Amino acid sequence: MLKILLFFLILILICACGKSREELIDETIEKANILLTAGNCDLAITILEGIGRQTKNFRYLRTLSSAYACKAGYSESVLFGDDLPNISATSVWGSLSSFTTSTKMTAPTSKSFTNLITAIEIILYAGGGIPSTTEPTVAERSEFIQGAELGDLHTQALYMLISALGMYVYHYGAADAGLKAGRSGGDDCFLDYDETITTTSTYATLALYINNLPADNACRGIVNSGHPDLTTVAANVSRLCDGVFLFNNFRVVLTEVLADLAASVDDLKVLESVKVVLDLQRLALIQAQAGSADVDTVLSRSVCVLENTADTKYIQTYFLYYFDFLFN
């Protein structure tokens, strides 16, 4: 492996002689794509990172993101061939937890998950002018990359976000065969909820909402049965914010992609139905607790942690309404 790495680095240095910076970047991208075709993810990352992050170069960003996704074990061909056809609007998290790559997350720091997060953030923070403490909005990205190129990056990010969410709900939902709490006894909910948290919905506390979850929901009527990697809530806000980051950006990017491609991509038809389900649940969340709107719109992991560390009631309500309610 070291010999191969040295060979490519020497080759790049030789090729760099007499070439412009732009030509060197283009050649490096081409070499990285050849490596990715051969499944050599690490070396592709090494040579791309070796020339410095080209945060405004569409082809560079697309390739670097693909390289980290490759390292995560993500495959678009598997996603399109085996997983996307099984997405269900009536079992959003159940269908995603059954994705081929979902079982790759066995711990919060599983490399497959963290590398996929890196691949996603490369695209969401495209342009280089968006610090991690700033929300990576569509408007921020469009200052640096526009038109079809931005649309292509959004589509690439969408599919990776779906896969990462599959990993997240598989692990923290203790899922098996698409069912929450299928792998362990006692982890029936995502969190150990503070059931005294009040809302303005028909169910005045989280306890009442939990007691009235659908009959087939493992979390219904359960007290203190959250996933151990999310217990206690206060000590694991960053892990909660991984889920918030993925889910909120998924909804934003999905809206953009549907506006661009829905009429021409059959695989997105079911995602239109999924979006309807998510939009309805969002209305229920905001009606129940207006303060949860801030959690519902945050797009940065670091901002999410900053805003929810002192008081977790809003992020707890968010998780109950989105993650536990939608995972029957």
Protein backbone atom coordinates (compact mmCIF):
# COMPACT_ATOMS: atom_id res chain seq x y z
CA MET A 1 0.00 0.00 0.00
CA LEU A 2 2.82 2.39 0.91
CA LYS A 3 4.58 1.68 -2.38
CA ILE A 4 1.41 2.41 -4.33
CA LEU A 5 0.92 5.66 -2.41
CA LEU A 6 4.49 6.77 -3.06
CA PHE A 7 4.11 5.90 -6.74
CA PHE A 8 1.05 8.10 -7.13
CA LEU A 9 2.55 10.97 -5.16
CA ILE A 10 5.71 10.86 -7.28
CA LEU A 11 3.60 10.66 -10.43
CA ILE A 12 1.64 13.74 -9.39
CA LEU A 13 4.87 15.65 -8.69
CA ILE A 14 6.28 14.67 -12.08
CA CYS A 15 3.10 15.61 -13.88
CA ALA A 16 2.99 18.90 -12.00
CA CYS A 17 6.15 20.11 -13.65
CA GLY A 18 5.28 22.80 -16.16
CA LYS A 19 1.56 22.53 -15.52
CA SER A 20 -0.78 25.17 -14.20
CA ARG A 21 -2.52 24.79 -10.85
CA GLU A 22 -5.81 24.15 -12.67
CA GLU A 23 -4.28 21.41 -14.80
CA LEU A 24 -2.83 19.73 -11.71
CA ILE A 25 -6.22 19.81 -9.99
CA ASP A 26 -7.96 18.36 -13.05
CA GLU A 27 -5.40 15.56 -13.37
CA THR A 28 -5.66 14.73 -9.68
CA ILE A 29 -9.43 14.49 -9.94
CA GLU A 30 -9.11 12.16 -12.93
CA LYS A 31 -6.61 9.95 -11.08
CA ALA A 32 -8.87 9.87 -8.02
CA ASN A 33 -11.84 8.77 -10.12
CA ILE A 34 -9.75 5.94 -11.60
CA LEU A 35 -8.81 4.87 -8.07
CA LEU A 36 -12.42 4.97 -6.96
CA THR A 37 -13.46 2.80 -9.89
CA ALA A 38 -10.90 0.28 -8.64
CA GLY A 39 -12.23 0.58 -5.08
CA ASN A 40 -9.10 2.27 -3.73
CA CYS A 41 -10.89 4.76 -1.53
CA ASP A 42 -8.02 5.66 0.82
CA LEU A 43 -5.56 6.51 -1.91
CA ALA A 44 -8.17 8.59 -3.72
CA ILE A 45 -8.69 10.58 -0.52
CA THR A 46 -4.94 10.96 0.00
CA ILE A 47 -4.20 12.47 -3.41
CA LEU A 48 -7.28 14.72 -3.33
CA GLU A 49 -6.56 16.03 0.16
CA GLY A 50 -2.89 16.30 -0.84
CA ILE A 51 -3.57 19.20 -3.21
CA GLY A 52 -5.65 21.06 -0.62
CA ARG A 53 -9.42 21.33 -0.43
CA GLN A 54 -10.81 22.93 -3.59
CA THR A 55 -14.01 24.08 -1.97
CA LYS A 56 -15.36 25.95 -4.98
CA ASN A 57 -14.54 23.28 -7.56
CA PHE A 58 -17.64 21.24 -8.35
CA ARG A 59 -15.80 18.21 -9.76
CA TYR A 60 -13.34 18.16 -6.87
CA LEU A 61 -16.10 18.32 -4.25
CA ARG A 62 -18.13 15.63 -5.97
CA THR A 63 -15.10 13.33 -6.18
CA LEU A 64 -13.81 13.95 -2.65
CA SER A 65 -17.28 13.35 -1.24
CA SER A 66 -17.52 10.14 -3.26
CA ALA A 67 -14.14 9.03 -1.90
CA TYR A 68 -15.21 9.38 1.73
CA ALA A 69 -18.54 7.69 0.91
CA CYS A 70 -16.55 4.88 -0.70
CA LYS A 71 -14.53 4.54 2.50
CA ALA A 72 -17.83 4.34 4.41
CA GLY A 73 -18.87 1.34 2.33
CA TYR A 74 -21.58 3.33 0.54
CA SER A 75 -22.46 2.32 -3.01
CA GLU A 76 -24.91 4.12 -5.27
CA SER A 77 -25.40 0.99 -7.36
CA VAL A 78 -26.44 -0.98 -4.27
CA LEU A 79 -28.60 1.90 -3.07
CA PHE A 80 -30.47 2.14 -6.36
CA GLY A 81 -30.61 -1.57 -7.00
CA ASP A 82 -31.45 -2.95 -3.56
CA ASP A 83 -32.54 -0.22 -1.17
CA LEU A 84 -34.40 2.72 -2.70
CA PRO A 85 -37.16 0.50 -4.15
CA ASN A 86 -37.99 -0.59 -0.58
CA ILE A 87 -38.56 2.85 0.92
CA SER A 88 -42.05 3.10 2.37
CA ALA A 89 -43.97 6.21 3.39
CA THR A 90 -45.94 4.08 5.88
CA SER A 91 -42.76 2.81 7.56
CA VAL A 92 -40.15 5.49 6.99
CA TRP A 93 -37.59 4.43 9.58
CA GLY A 94 -38.36 0.74 9.30
CA SER A 95 -37.56 0.72 5.60
CA LEU A 96 -34.39 2.81 6.00
CA SER A 97 -33.13 0.68 8.87
CA SER A 98 -33.31 -2.31 6.51
CA PHE A 99 -30.94 -0.79 3.95
CA THR A 100 -27.92 -2.86 3.01
CA THR A 101 -25.49 -0.42 4.63
CA SER A 102 -27.49 0.27 7.80
CA THR A 103 -25.95 -2.58 9.77
CA LYS A 104 -22.49 -1.04 9.27
CA MET A 105 -23.18 1.26 12.22
CA THR A 106 -22.52 -0.72 15.39
CA ALA A 107 -21.40 2.17 17.60
CA PRO A 108 -21.66 5.99 17.58
CA THR A 109 -18.11 6.23 16.23
CA SER A 110 -18.33 3.48 13.60
CA LYS A 111 -16.09 4.52 10.71
CA SER A 112 -18.77 3.79 8.14
CA PHE A 113 -21.03 6.33 9.81
CA THR A 114 -18.41 9.01 10.52
CA ASN A 115 -16.94 8.79 7.01
CA LEU A 116 -20.40 9.15 5.49
CA ILE A 117 -21.00 12.23 7.67
CA THR A 118 -17.74 13.67 6.32
CA ALA A 119 -18.84 12.94 2.74
CA ILE A 120 -22.15 14.71 3.36
CA GLU A 121 -20.59 17.76 5.02
CA ILE A 122 -18.15 18.21 2.12
CA ILE A 123 -21.18 18.93 -0.06
CA LEU A 124 -23.32 20.81 2.45
CA TYR A 125 -20.44 23.19 3.23
CA ALA A 126 -19.48 23.59 -0.43
CA GLY A 127 -17.86 26.91 -1.21
CA GLY A 128 -15.49 27.06 1.72
CA GLY A 129 -17.02 30.24 3.04
CA ILE A 130 -19.40 28.49 5.43
CA PRO A 131 -17.84 27.85 8.86
CA SER A 132 -19.13 24.90 10.91
CA THR A 133 -20.77 27.35 13.28
CA THR A 134 -22.91 28.71 10.44
CA GLU A 135 -25.99 26.98 9.06
CA PRO A 136 -25.14 25.33 5.70
CA THR A 137 -28.25 26.59 3.94
CA VAL A 138 -29.06 26.34 0.25
CA ALA A 139 -28.61 30.11 0.04
CA GLU A 140 -25.10 29.88 1.52
CA ARG A 141 -24.06 27.16 -0.94
CA SER A 142 -25.56 28.95 -3.92
CA GLU A 143 -23.22 31.90 -3.37
CA PHE A 144 -20.38 29.67 -4.55
CA ILE A 145 -21.97 26.97 -6.74
CA GLN A 146 -25.08 27.45 -8.83
CA GLY A 147 -27.36 25.90 -11.41
CA ALA A 148 -27.01 22.31 -12.56
CA GLU A 149 -23.81 21.80 -10.58
CA LEU A 150 -25.52 22.68 -7.31
CA GLY A 151 -28.43 20.45 -8.30
CA ASP A 152 -26.05 17.54 -8.92
CA LEU A 153 -24.40 18.03 -5.53
CA HIS A 154 -27.79 18.13 -3.81
CA THR A 155 -28.81 14.87 -5.49
CA GLN A 156 -25.55 13.22 -4.42
CA ALA A 157 -26.03 14.48 -0.86
CA LEU A 158 -29.65 13.33 -0.75
CA TYR A 159 -28.82 9.69 -1.35
CA MET A 160 -26.00 9.74 1.19
CA LEU A 161 -28.27 11.41 3.75
CA ILE A 162 -30.83 8.64 3.25
CA SER A 163 -28.17 5.98 3.80
CA ALA A 164 -26.76 7.73 6.88
CA LEU A 165 -30.25 8.04 8.36
CA GLY A 166 -30.68 4.32 7.76
CA MET A 167 -27.54 3.67 9.82
CA TYR A 168 -28.67 6.07 12.54
CA VAL A 169 -32.13 4.60 13.06
CA TYR A 170 -30.79 1.05 12.78
CA HIS A 171 -28.29 1.61 15.57
CA TYR A 172 -30.19 3.87 17.96
CA GLY A 173 -33.52 2.21 17.22
CA ALA A 174 -32.01 -1.23 17.96
CA ALA A 175 -33.70 -2.32 14.75
CA ASP A 176 -33.99 -5.77 13.27
CA ALA A 177 -35.85 -6.70 10.09
CA GLY A 178 -37.28 -3.18 9.95
CA LEU A 179 -38.69 -3.30 13.47
CA LYS A 180 -37.68 -0.97 16.29
CA ALA A 181 -36.29 -2.65 19.42
CA GLY A 182 -35.93 -5.90 17.50
CA ARG A 183 -32.32 -6.56 18.55
CA SER A 184 -32.44 -6.08 22.29
CA GLY A 185 -34.67 -6.20 25.29
CA GLY A 186 -35.40 -2.89 26.94
CA ASP A 187 -34.25 -0.40 24.31
CA ASP A 188 -37.81 0.29 23.22
CA CYS A 189 -37.40 4.04 22.63
CA PHE A 190 -34.60 6.19 21.28
CA LEU A 191 -34.34 8.19 24.52
CA ASP A 192 -35.07 8.03 28.21
CA TYR A 193 -37.62 10.82 27.93
CA ASP A 194 -38.41 13.30 30.66
CA GLU A 195 -42.10 12.53 30.67
CA THR A 196 -42.95 15.65 32.68
CA ILE A 197 -42.07 17.91 29.74
CA THR A 198 -45.23 19.79 28.83
CA THR A 199 -46.73 20.55 25.43
CA THR A 200 -49.74 22.45 24.15
CA SER A 201 -51.14 19.53 22.15
CA THR A 202 -54.03 17.23 23.06
CA TYR A 203 -51.47 15.28 25.08
CA ALA A 204 -50.25 17.82 27.62
CA THR A 205 -47.05 15.96 28.56
CA LEU A 206 -44.60 13.66 26.80
CA ALA A 207 -45.86 10.88 29.08
CA LEU A 208 -49.36 11.18 27.65
CA TYR A 209 -48.02 11.25 24.10
CA ILE A 210 -45.94 8.12 24.75
CA ASN A 211 -48.96 6.37 26.24
CA ASN A 212 -50.92 7.13 23.08
CA LEU A 213 -48.38 6.08 20.46
CA PRO A 214 -49.72 3.56 17.93
CA ALA A 215 -50.36 0.14 19.43
CA ASP A 216 -47.57 -1.49 17.39
CA ASN A 217 -44.97 1.10 18.47
CA ALA A 218 -42.42 -0.49 20.85
CA CYS A 219 -42.10 2.81 22.76
CA ARG A 220 -45.80 3.01 23.64
CA GLY A 221 -46.31 3.36 27.39
CA ILE A 222 -42.63 2.71 28.13
CA VAL A 223 -40.62 4.54 30.80
CA ASN A 224 -36.81 4.87 30.81
CA SER A 225 -36.02 2.46 27.99
CA GLY A 226 -33.83 4.54 25.69
CA HIS A 227 -30.82 3.31 23.78
CA PRO A 228 -27.78 3.11 26.09
CA ASP A 229 -25.69 5.20 23.68
CA LEU A 230 -28.20 8.05 24.15
CA THR A 231 -28.56 7.72 27.94
CA THR A 232 -28.46 10.09 29.66
CA VAL A 233 -29.83 12.66 27.27
CA ALA A 234 -27.82 15.56 28.73
CA ALA A 235 -24.55 13.69 28.25
CA ASN A 236 -25.26 12.73 24.65
CA VAL A 237 -26.54 15.89 23.00
CA SER A 238 -23.87 15.65 20.28
CA ARG A 239 -25.18 12.21 19.28
CA LEU A 240 -28.73 13.53 19.23
CA CYS A 241 -27.53 16.38 17.07
CA ASP A 242 -26.08 13.90 14.56
CA GLY A 243 -29.65 12.74 14.02
CA VAL A 244 -31.02 16.27 13.89
CA PHE A 245 -28.33 17.26 11.38
CA LEU A 246 -29.11 14.32 9.10
CA PHE A 247 -32.88 14.58 9.29
CA ASN A 248 -33.17 18.35 8.89
CA ASN A 249 -30.71 18.49 6.00
CA PHE A 250 -32.44 15.51 4.39
CA ARG A 251 -35.74 17.43 4.36
CA VAL A 252 -34.12 20.60 2.99
CA VAL A 253 -32.18 18.80 0.26
CA LEU A 254 -35.16 16.58 -0.59
CA THR A 255 -37.26 19.69 -1.24
CA GLU A 256 -34.59 21.04 -3.60
CA VAL A 257 -34.16 17.75 -5.47
CA LEU A 258 -37.89 17.14 -5.82
CA ALA A 259 -38.30 20.61 -7.31
CA ASP A 260 -35.59 19.83 -9.87
CA LEU A 261 -36.02 16.17 -10.68
CA ALA A 262 -39.30 14.73 -9.42
CA ALA A 263 -40.91 14.65 -12.84
CA SER A 264 -38.07 12.66 -14.40
CA VAL A 265 -36.77 10.27 -11.72
CA ASP A 266 -39.02 7.35 -10.79
CA ASP A 267 -37.09 6.56 -7.60
CA LEU A 268 -38.08 9.94 -6.20
CA LYS A 269 -41.81 9.30 -6.48
CA VAL A 270 -41.98 7.48 -3.16
CA LEU A 271 -39.93 10.26 -1.56
CA GLU A 272 -42.71 12.67 -2.47
CA SER A 273 -45.02 10.53 -0.33
CA VAL A 274 -42.42 10.42 2.44
CA LYS A 275 -42.20 14.21 2.37
CA VAL A 276 -45.98 14.48 2.86
CA VAL A 277 -45.74 12.27 5.97
CA LEU A 278 -42.84 14.31 7.37
CA ASP A 279 -44.58 17.62 6.70
CA LEU A 280 -47.68 16.47 8.59
CA GLN A 281 -45.59 15.34 11.54
CA ARG A 282 -43.78 18.66 11.53
CA LEU A 283 -47.11 20.45 11.92
CA ALA A 284 -47.91 18.22 14.89
CA LEU A 285 -44.53 18.96 16.48
CA ILE A 286 -44.76 22.74 16.13
CA GLN A 287 -48.35 22.72 17.34
CA ALA A 288 -47.31 20.73 20.39
CA GLN A 289 -44.30 22.86 21.26
CA ALA A 290 -43.48 26.05 19.40
CA GLY A 291 -39.99 26.14 20.92
CA SER A 292 -39.10 22.96 19.04
CA ALA A 293 -39.12 25.00 15.82
CA ASP A 294 -35.50 25.98 16.47
CA VAL A 295 -34.46 22.32 16.64
CA ASP A 296 -36.59 21.60 13.59
CA THR A 297 -34.69 24.09 11.44
CA VAL A 298 -31.08 23.80 12.66
CA LEU A 299 -28.71 22.47 9.99
CA SER A 300 -25.33 22.63 11.72
CA ARG A 301 -24.24 19.98 14.21
CA SER A 302 -22.23 22.45 16.26
CA VAL A 303 -25.08 24.97 16.39
CA CYS A 304 -27.47 22.20 17.43
CA VAL A 305 -25.20 21.22 20.33
CA LEU A 306 -24.76 24.85 21.40
CA GLU A 307 -28.50 25.51 21.43
CA ASN A 308 -29.61 22.31 23.19
CA THR A 309 -26.98 21.55 25.82
CA ALA A 310 -28.41 23.71 28.61
CA ASP A 311 -32.02 22.65 28.07
CA THR A 312 -32.93 19.40 26.30
CA LYS A 313 -36.73 19.62 26.42
CA TYR A 314 -37.07 20.79 22.83
CA ILE A 315 -34.73 18.20 21.36
CA GLN A 316 -36.45 15.49 23.41
CA THR A 317 -39.84 16.49 22.02
CA TYR A 318 -38.33 16.56 18.53
CA PHE A 319 -37.05 12.99 18.91
CA LEU A 320 -40.32 11.68 20.28
CA TYR A 321 -42.40 13.22 17.49
CA TYR A 322 -40.04 12.38 14.63
CA PHE A 323 -37.89 9.38 15.51
CA ASP A 324 -40.02 7.37 17.90
CA PHE A 325 -43.43 8.19 16.44
CA LEU A 326 -42.35 7.42 12.86
CA PHE A 327 -40.65 4.13 13.81
CA ASN A 328 -43.53 1.76 14.50
